[in-house]
Amino acid sequence: MTAPAIIGLGHLDFTVTDGDRAMRWWEQVLGFKLLAANWEGPGFRAWTMAHPSGLVVTAVMHAEGDSSAFDEHKVGLDHVAFRVGDLADLEVWATHLDALGVTHSGVQDIQGNRGGPLIVLRDPDNIQIELTAGWHLSQA
């Protein structure tokens, strides 16, 4: 039996230690725009942002959250990868990150199972983010 269609990514929520700091970082570094600031739900506060590409991200602070840095070695999320156009776009990203003083791997042209060229960086809570010009639907 074929699975029903998934037409895209709805949103990503990240648990953070400081929502205002996370919001500023996602705006300045990755170009997201704030949709709703410091809204509350039962046991949490959140900052929702959207990217011109249509991706929606929410930074969530849980009232009883763990304040330690993100660790991809624990069960759950390992990292998130955002697709950019091509290798030239990655070079532009590297220049942008350098101008902001954001630590990153530089452009790595990784072949094989890793999916091709990418840049690795981390947000203020140590969540690993990759910018990749690698795998595409045509390769699935």
N, C-alpha and C. Protein backbone atom coordinates (compact mmCIF):
# COMPACT_ATOMS: atom_id res chain seq x y z
N MET A 1 0.84 -1.18 0.00
CA MET A 1 0.00 0.00 0.00
C MET A 1 0.89 1.25 0.00
N THR A 2 0.55 2.20 -0.83
CA THR A 2 1.29 3.45 -0.90
C THR A 2 0.80 4.40 0.17
N ALA A 3 1.72 5.08 0.83
CA ALA A 3 1.34 6.05 1.86
C ALA A 3 0.63 7.24 1.23
N PRO A 4 -0.30 7.87 1.96
CA PRO A 4 -0.94 9.10 1.45
C PRO A 4 0.10 10.19 1.23
N ALA A 5 -0.25 11.18 0.45
CA ALA A 5 0.69 12.24 0.08
C ALA A 5 1.07 13.13 1.25
N ILE A 6 2.32 13.52 1.27
CA ILE A 6 2.82 14.61 2.11
C ILE A 6 3.24 15.68 1.12
N ILE A 7 2.72 16.89 1.28
CA ILE A 7 2.99 17.92 0.27
C ILE A 7 4.06 18.91 0.68
N GLY A 8 4.60 18.78 1.87
CA GLY A 8 5.66 19.67 2.31
C GLY A 8 5.83 19.62 3.81
N LEU A 9 6.73 20.41 4.29
CA LEU A 9 6.99 20.51 5.73
C LEU A 9 6.09 21.58 6.32
N GLY A 10 5.31 21.24 7.33
CA GLY A 10 4.40 22.20 7.95
C GLY A 10 5.12 23.25 8.77
N HIS A 11 5.94 22.81 9.71
CA HIS A 11 6.71 23.73 10.55
C HIS A 11 7.73 22.93 11.35
N LEU A 12 8.68 23.63 11.92
CA LEU A 12 9.65 23.04 12.84
C LEU A 12 9.58 23.80 14.15
N ASP A 13 9.53 23.11 15.26
CA ASP A 13 9.58 23.73 16.58
C ASP A 13 10.88 23.29 17.26
N PHE A 14 11.58 24.26 17.82
CA PHE A 14 12.83 23.99 18.53
C PHE A 14 12.69 24.44 19.97
N THR A 15 13.07 23.59 20.91
CA THR A 15 13.12 23.99 22.31
C THR A 15 14.38 24.82 22.51
N VAL A 16 14.22 26.00 23.11
CA VAL A 16 15.33 26.93 23.30
C VAL A 16 15.39 27.38 24.76
N THR A 17 16.52 27.95 25.15
CA THR A 17 16.67 28.46 26.51
C THR A 17 16.31 29.93 26.62
N ASP A 18 16.34 30.66 25.51
CA ASP A 18 16.02 32.09 25.50
C ASP A 18 15.33 32.42 24.18
N GLY A 19 14.02 32.58 24.22
CA GLY A 19 13.25 32.80 23.01
C GLY A 19 13.60 34.07 22.27
N ASP A 20 13.82 35.15 23.01
CA ASP A 20 14.19 36.42 22.36
C ASP A 20 15.52 36.29 21.62
N ARG A 21 16.49 35.65 22.28
CA ARG A 21 17.80 35.46 21.65
C ARG A 21 17.67 34.58 20.41
N ALA A 22 16.92 33.49 20.53
CA ALA A 22 16.72 32.60 19.38
C ALA A 22 16.07 33.33 18.22
N MET A 23 15.04 34.12 18.53
CA MET A 23 14.33 34.87 17.49
C MET A 23 15.28 35.82 16.76
N ARG A 24 16.07 36.56 17.51
CA ARG A 24 17.02 37.49 16.89
C ARG A 24 18.02 36.75 15.99
N TRP A 25 18.50 35.60 16.46
CA TRP A 25 19.47 34.83 15.69
C TRP A 25 18.85 34.34 14.39
N TRP A 26 17.66 33.73 14.46
CA TRP A 26 17.01 33.20 13.25
C TRP A 26 16.69 34.32 12.27
N GLU A 27 16.36 35.51 12.77
CA GLU A 27 16.11 36.65 11.89
C GLU A 27 17.40 37.12 11.23
N GLN A 28 18.42 37.39 12.05
CA GLN A 28 19.66 37.97 11.54
C GLN A 28 20.46 36.99 10.68
N VAL A 29 20.57 35.77 11.14
CA VAL A 29 21.46 34.81 10.47
C VAL A 29 20.78 34.12 9.28
N LEU A 30 19.52 33.69 9.47
CA LEU A 30 18.87 32.88 8.43
C LEU A 30 17.77 33.61 7.67
N GLY A 31 17.43 34.84 8.06
CA GLY A 31 16.48 35.63 7.28
C GLY A 31 15.01 35.37 7.57
N PHE A 32 14.70 34.78 8.72
CA PHE A 32 13.30 34.57 9.11
C PHE A 32 12.71 35.89 9.59
N LYS A 33 11.38 36.01 9.50
CA LYS A 33 10.66 37.20 9.97
C LYS A 33 9.68 36.78 11.06
N LEU A 34 9.61 37.58 12.10
CA LEU A 34 8.74 37.28 13.24
C LEU A 34 7.27 37.35 12.84
N LEU A 35 6.51 36.32 13.21
CA LEU A 35 5.06 36.31 13.02
C LEU A 35 4.33 36.59 14.32
N ALA A 36 4.78 35.97 15.41
CA ALA A 36 4.13 36.14 16.71
C ALA A 36 5.18 36.01 17.80
N ALA A 37 5.27 37.03 18.66
CA ALA A 37 6.30 37.05 19.70
C ALA A 37 5.74 36.70 21.06
N ASN A 38 6.47 35.87 21.77
CA ASN A 38 6.23 35.62 23.18
C ASN A 38 4.78 35.25 23.48
N TRP A 39 4.20 34.39 22.64
CA TRP A 39 2.84 33.94 22.92
C TRP A 39 2.91 32.74 23.86
N GLU A 40 1.85 32.54 24.62
CA GLU A 40 1.89 31.53 25.68
C GLU A 40 0.87 30.43 25.49
N GLY A 41 1.23 29.27 25.97
CA GLY A 41 0.34 28.13 26.04
C GLY A 41 0.56 27.47 27.39
N PRO A 42 -0.10 26.36 27.65
CA PRO A 42 0.07 25.70 28.94
C PRO A 42 1.50 25.19 29.14
N GLY A 43 2.25 25.87 29.97
CA GLY A 43 3.61 25.46 30.30
C GLY A 43 4.68 25.88 29.32
N PHE A 44 4.37 26.78 28.40
CA PHE A 44 5.39 27.22 27.45
C PHE A 44 5.14 28.64 26.97
N ARG A 45 6.22 29.25 26.43
CA ARG A 45 6.15 30.51 25.68
C ARG A 45 6.82 30.26 24.34
N ALA A 46 6.38 30.96 23.30
CA ALA A 46 6.89 30.67 21.97
C ALA A 46 7.02 31.92 21.11
N TRP A 47 7.92 31.83 20.14
CA TRP A 47 8.17 32.88 19.15
C TRP A 47 8.10 32.20 17.79
N THR A 48 7.13 32.57 16.96
CA THR A 48 6.95 31.93 15.66
C THR A 48 7.47 32.85 14.56
N MET A 49 8.25 32.27 13.66
CA MET A 49 8.89 33.02 12.58
C MET A 49 8.66 32.31 11.25
N ALA A 50 8.66 33.07 10.16
CA ALA A 50 8.51 32.49 8.83
C ALA A 50 9.65 32.97 7.94
N HIS A 51 10.04 32.11 7.03
CA HIS A 51 11.07 32.43 6.05
C HIS A 51 10.38 32.73 4.71
N PRO A 52 10.95 33.59 3.88
CA PRO A 52 10.36 33.86 2.57
C PRO A 52 10.12 32.59 1.74
N SER A 53 10.84 31.52 2.02
CA SER A 53 10.65 30.25 1.30
C SER A 53 9.35 29.55 1.69
N GLY A 54 8.72 30.03 2.77
CA GLY A 54 7.49 29.41 3.26
C GLY A 54 7.67 28.58 4.51
N LEU A 55 8.89 28.30 4.91
CA LEU A 55 9.16 27.51 6.10
C LEU A 55 8.81 28.29 7.36
N VAL A 56 8.11 27.66 8.28
CA VAL A 56 7.74 28.27 9.55
C VAL A 56 8.49 27.55 10.67
N VAL A 57 9.09 28.34 11.56
CA VAL A 57 9.86 27.82 12.69
C VAL A 57 9.35 28.49 13.95
N THR A 58 9.22 27.71 15.02
CA THR A 58 8.85 28.25 16.32
C THR A 58 9.92 27.91 17.34
N ALA A 59 10.37 28.93 18.07
CA ALA A 59 11.29 28.75 19.20
C ALA A 59 10.43 28.65 20.45
N VAL A 60 10.55 27.56 21.19
CA VAL A 60 9.68 27.28 22.32
C VAL A 60 10.51 27.20 23.60
N MET A 61 10.06 27.93 24.63
CA MET A 61 10.65 27.83 25.97
C MET A 61 9.64 27.13 26.86
N HIS A 62 10.01 25.96 27.38
CA HIS A 62 9.13 25.21 28.27
C HIS A 62 9.38 25.62 29.71
N ALA A 63 8.31 25.79 30.48
CA ALA A 63 8.43 26.22 31.88
C ALA A 63 9.31 25.26 32.68
N GLU A 64 9.23 23.99 32.39
CA GLU A 64 10.02 23.00 33.11
C GLU A 64 11.09 22.41 32.21
N GLY A 65 11.60 23.23 31.30
CA GLY A 65 12.59 22.75 30.34
C GLY A 65 13.96 22.55 30.93
N ASP A 66 14.75 21.76 30.24
CA ASP A 66 16.14 21.51 30.59
C ASP A 66 16.96 22.64 29.98
N SER A 67 17.75 23.33 30.77
CA SER A 67 18.50 24.48 30.26
C SER A 67 19.87 24.11 29.70
N SER A 68 20.18 22.83 29.63
CA SER A 68 21.47 22.45 29.06
C SER A 68 21.42 22.59 27.53
N ALA A 69 22.59 22.71 26.94
CA ALA A 69 22.68 22.88 25.49
C ALA A 69 22.18 21.64 24.76
N PHE A 70 21.72 21.84 23.55
CA PHE A 70 21.27 20.75 22.69
C PHE A 70 22.39 19.73 22.51
N ASP A 71 22.02 18.46 22.46
CA ASP A 71 22.99 17.39 22.26
C ASP A 71 22.43 16.38 21.28
N GLU A 72 22.97 16.35 20.08
CA GLU A 72 22.47 15.43 19.06
C GLU A 72 22.77 13.97 19.38
N HIS A 73 23.54 13.71 20.42
CA HIS A 73 23.84 12.34 20.80
C HIS A 73 22.72 11.72 21.62
N LYS A 74 21.74 12.52 22.03
CA LYS A 74 20.57 12.00 22.74
C LYS A 74 19.49 11.66 21.72
N VAL A 75 18.60 10.77 22.08
CA VAL A 75 17.52 10.38 21.18
C VAL A 75 16.67 11.59 20.84
N GLY A 76 16.31 11.73 19.57
CA GLY A 76 15.51 12.85 19.09
C GLY A 76 16.16 13.43 17.85
N LEU A 77 16.10 14.71 17.71
CA LEU A 77 16.64 15.40 16.55
C LEU A 77 18.17 15.32 16.53
N ASP A 78 18.72 15.02 15.37
CA ASP A 78 20.17 15.07 15.22
C ASP A 78 20.58 16.44 14.68
N HIS A 79 19.97 16.85 13.59
CA HIS A 79 20.22 18.17 13.01
C HIS A 79 19.10 18.47 12.02
N VAL A 80 19.08 19.69 11.54
CA VAL A 80 18.14 20.07 10.49
C VAL A 80 18.96 20.64 9.33
N ALA A 81 18.57 20.30 8.11
CA ALA A 81 19.29 20.78 6.93
C ALA A 81 18.34 21.58 6.04
N PHE A 82 18.77 22.77 5.67
CA PHE A 82 18.00 23.61 4.75
C PHE A 82 18.69 23.59 3.40
N ARG A 83 17.92 23.36 2.36
CA ARG A 83 18.47 23.29 1.01
C ARG A 83 18.62 24.69 0.43
N VAL A 84 19.78 24.95 -0.14
CA VAL A 84 20.03 26.18 -0.89
C VAL A 84 20.24 25.77 -2.35
N GLY A 85 20.45 26.73 -3.23
CA GLY A 85 20.50 26.42 -4.65
C GLY A 85 21.64 25.52 -5.08
N ASP A 86 22.86 26.02 -4.98
CA ASP A 86 24.00 25.28 -5.51
C ASP A 86 25.27 25.68 -4.76
N LEU A 87 26.39 25.20 -5.24
CA LEU A 87 27.67 25.47 -4.58
C LEU A 87 27.96 26.97 -4.50
N ALA A 88 27.63 27.71 -5.54
CA ALA A 88 27.84 29.17 -5.52
C ALA A 88 27.01 29.83 -4.43
N ASP A 89 25.78 29.33 -4.22
CA ASP A 89 24.94 29.87 -3.14
C ASP A 89 25.55 29.57 -1.77
N LEU A 90 26.16 28.41 -1.63
CA LEU A 90 26.83 28.10 -0.36
C LEU A 90 27.99 29.06 -0.11
N GLU A 91 28.71 29.44 -1.14
CA GLU A 91 29.80 30.41 -0.99
C GLU A 91 29.25 31.76 -0.51
N VAL A 92 28.10 32.16 -1.05
CA VAL A 92 27.46 33.41 -0.60
C VAL A 92 27.05 33.28 0.86
N TRP A 93 26.52 32.12 1.25
CA TRP A 93 26.16 31.90 2.65
C TRP A 93 27.39 31.99 3.55
N ALA A 94 28.49 31.40 3.13
CA ALA A 94 29.72 31.44 3.94
C ALA A 94 30.16 32.88 4.16
N THR A 95 30.09 33.71 3.13
CA THR A 95 30.45 35.12 3.26
C THR A 95 29.50 35.83 4.22
N HIS A 96 28.20 35.55 4.11
CA HIS A 96 27.19 36.13 5.00
C HIS A 96 27.47 35.75 6.46
N LEU A 97 27.72 34.47 6.70
CA LEU A 97 27.99 34.00 8.07
C LEU A 97 29.26 34.63 8.62
N ASP A 98 30.29 34.74 7.79
CA ASP A 98 31.54 35.38 8.21
C ASP A 98 31.29 36.83 8.61
N ALA A 99 30.50 37.55 7.82
CA ALA A 99 30.22 38.95 8.10
C ALA A 99 29.49 39.13 9.43
N LEU A 100 28.69 38.13 9.81
CA LEU A 100 27.96 38.18 11.08
C LEU A 100 28.77 37.62 12.25
N GLY A 101 29.93 37.05 11.96
CA GLY A 101 30.74 36.45 13.02
C GLY A 101 30.20 35.11 13.49
N VAL A 102 29.42 34.43 12.65
CA VAL A 102 28.85 33.13 13.01
C VAL A 102 29.86 32.04 12.69
N THR A 103 30.20 31.24 13.68
CA THR A 103 31.11 30.12 13.49
C THR A 103 30.45 29.07 12.60
N HIS A 104 31.19 28.58 11.61
CA HIS A 104 30.66 27.56 10.71
C HIS A 104 31.81 26.74 10.14
N SER A 105 31.45 25.68 9.46
CA SER A 105 32.44 24.74 8.93
C SER A 105 33.13 25.22 7.66
N GLY A 106 32.59 26.24 7.03
CA GLY A 106 33.02 26.57 5.68
C GLY A 106 32.34 25.59 4.73
N VAL A 107 32.48 25.83 3.45
CA VAL A 107 31.86 24.94 2.47
C VAL A 107 32.64 23.63 2.44
N GLN A 108 31.92 22.54 2.68
CA GLN A 108 32.50 21.20 2.62
C GLN A 108 31.84 20.47 1.47
N ASP A 109 32.63 19.96 0.55
CA ASP A 109 32.06 19.22 -0.58
C ASP A 109 32.13 17.74 -0.26
N ILE A 110 31.15 17.29 0.49
CA ILE A 110 31.11 15.91 0.96
C ILE A 110 30.32 15.07 -0.04
N GLN A 111 30.92 14.01 -0.51
CA GLN A 111 30.26 13.15 -1.50
C GLN A 111 29.72 11.90 -0.81
N GLY A 112 29.02 11.10 -1.56
CA GLY A 112 28.52 9.84 -1.05
C GLY A 112 27.24 10.01 -0.25
N ASN A 113 27.14 9.28 0.83
CA ASN A 113 25.91 9.24 1.61
C ASN A 113 25.55 10.54 2.31
N ARG A 114 26.48 11.47 2.44
CA ARG A 114 26.18 12.74 3.11
C ARG A 114 25.45 13.73 2.23
N GLY A 115 25.42 13.50 0.93
CA GLY A 115 24.56 14.31 0.10
C GLY A 115 25.17 15.49 -0.60
N GLY A 116 26.47 15.66 -0.60
CA GLY A 116 27.07 16.74 -1.37
C GLY A 116 27.48 17.94 -0.56
N PRO A 117 27.68 19.09 -1.22
CA PRO A 117 28.22 20.28 -0.56
C PRO A 117 27.31 20.80 0.54
N LEU A 118 27.94 21.26 1.63
CA LEU A 118 27.16 21.80 2.74
C LEU A 118 28.01 22.71 3.61
N ILE A 119 27.31 23.48 4.45
CA ILE A 119 27.92 24.27 5.52
C ILE A 119 27.23 23.84 6.80
N VAL A 120 28.00 23.63 7.85
CA VAL A 120 27.46 23.26 9.16
C VAL A 120 27.66 24.44 10.11
N LEU A 121 26.60 24.80 10.83
CA LEU A 121 26.67 25.83 11.86
C LEU A 121 25.77 25.43 13.01
N ARG A 122 25.82 26.19 14.09
CA ARG A 122 24.99 25.90 15.26
C ARG A 122 24.32 27.17 15.74
N ASP A 123 23.08 27.01 16.22
CA ASP A 123 22.35 28.16 16.75
C ASP A 123 22.81 28.41 18.18
N PRO A 124 22.27 29.43 18.86
CA PRO A 124 22.73 29.75 20.22
C PRO A 124 22.51 28.63 21.25
N ASP A 125 21.60 27.69 20.96
CA ASP A 125 21.38 26.56 21.87
C ASP A 125 22.10 25.30 21.40
N ASN A 126 23.04 25.46 20.49
CA ASN A 126 23.88 24.38 19.99
C ASN A 126 23.18 23.44 19.02
N ILE A 127 22.01 23.80 18.51
CA ILE A 127 21.32 22.96 17.54
C ILE A 127 22.07 23.04 16.21
N GLN A 128 22.44 21.88 15.69
CA GLN A 128 23.19 21.85 14.43
C GLN A 128 22.26 22.12 13.26
N ILE A 129 22.68 23.05 12.42
CA ILE A 129 21.95 23.41 11.21
C ILE A 129 22.90 23.24 10.04
N GLU A 130 22.41 22.60 8.99
CA GLU A 130 23.19 22.47 7.77
C GLU A 130 22.52 23.25 6.66
N LEU A 131 23.32 23.91 5.86
CA LEU A 131 22.86 24.51 4.61
C LEU A 131 23.44 23.62 3.53
N THR A 132 22.60 23.04 2.70
CA THR A 132 23.08 22.04 1.76
C THR A 132 22.64 22.31 0.33
N ALA A 133 23.52 22.01 -0.58
CA ALA A 133 23.20 22.05 -2.01
C ALA A 133 23.19 20.61 -2.52
N GLY A 134 22.90 19.69 -1.62
CA GLY A 134 22.99 18.26 -1.91
C GLY A 134 21.72 17.64 -2.44
N TRP A 135 21.32 16.56 -1.84
CA TRP A 135 20.23 15.72 -2.33
C TRP A 135 19.03 16.51 -2.79
N HIS A 136 18.37 15.98 -3.80
CA HIS A 136 17.18 16.60 -4.35
C HIS A 136 16.17 15.50 -4.64
N LEU A 137 14.91 15.88 -4.75
CA LEU A 137 13.83 14.92 -5.00
C LEU A 137 14.14 14.04 -6.21
N SER A 138 14.80 14.59 -7.20
CA SER A 138 15.10 13.80 -8.40
C SER A 138 16.01 12.62 -8.09
N GLN A 139 16.66 12.64 -6.92
CA GLN A 139 17.56 11.55 -6.54
C GLN A 139 16.86 10.53 -5.65
N ALA A 140 15.62 10.79 -5.27
CA ALA A 140 14.90 9.89 -4.34
C ALA A 140 14.45 8.63 -5.06
